[in-house]
Amino acid sequence: MLDAVETWIGWLDRIIDRLGNFGSTSATTVNRQKHARKSLWHRIWSWIWATDSWTFYIPYDAGWTGAEIEAILREKGIEISGRGIANNDIFFNVKKEQAEWAEYLMLKAGIPLEYGLYSTRNRHRFPKAAE
């Protein structure tokens, strides 16, 4: 299936490239269009495969609700996506660029995290949480 998706993207990429070059004489314009298109493909690919996010897991019986955790993170500008509950864990996704900060805020608030920490720095700051 991945080959079919890559073939489709390649085909669509060639069409966009031809349309983007229509009436354009500047190489700089063409390079800008290609860069913009690649960043669009990167965003689509990242969204499909969730390669640009980190999933946090908190024990369901830890005494924290998802809403409380989200309020702490939102207050500091961290966006949460993919919320849910599975196997007695609350889980949600955070952009990787914000994952270290989000992890720090949760550990500082005393929220226990499951399945290891994202950040090496946070492992040193909170050694008990890293166990």
Foldseek 3Di string as FASTA:
>chain_A
DVVVVVVVVVVVVVVQLVVQCVPDDDPVSSVVSVVVVVVVVVVVVCVVVVPFKDKWKFALPPPDDPVRLVVQQVVVPWDWADWDDDPRITMIITGPVCQVVSQVSCVVVVGATPDAGDDPVVCVVCVVSRD
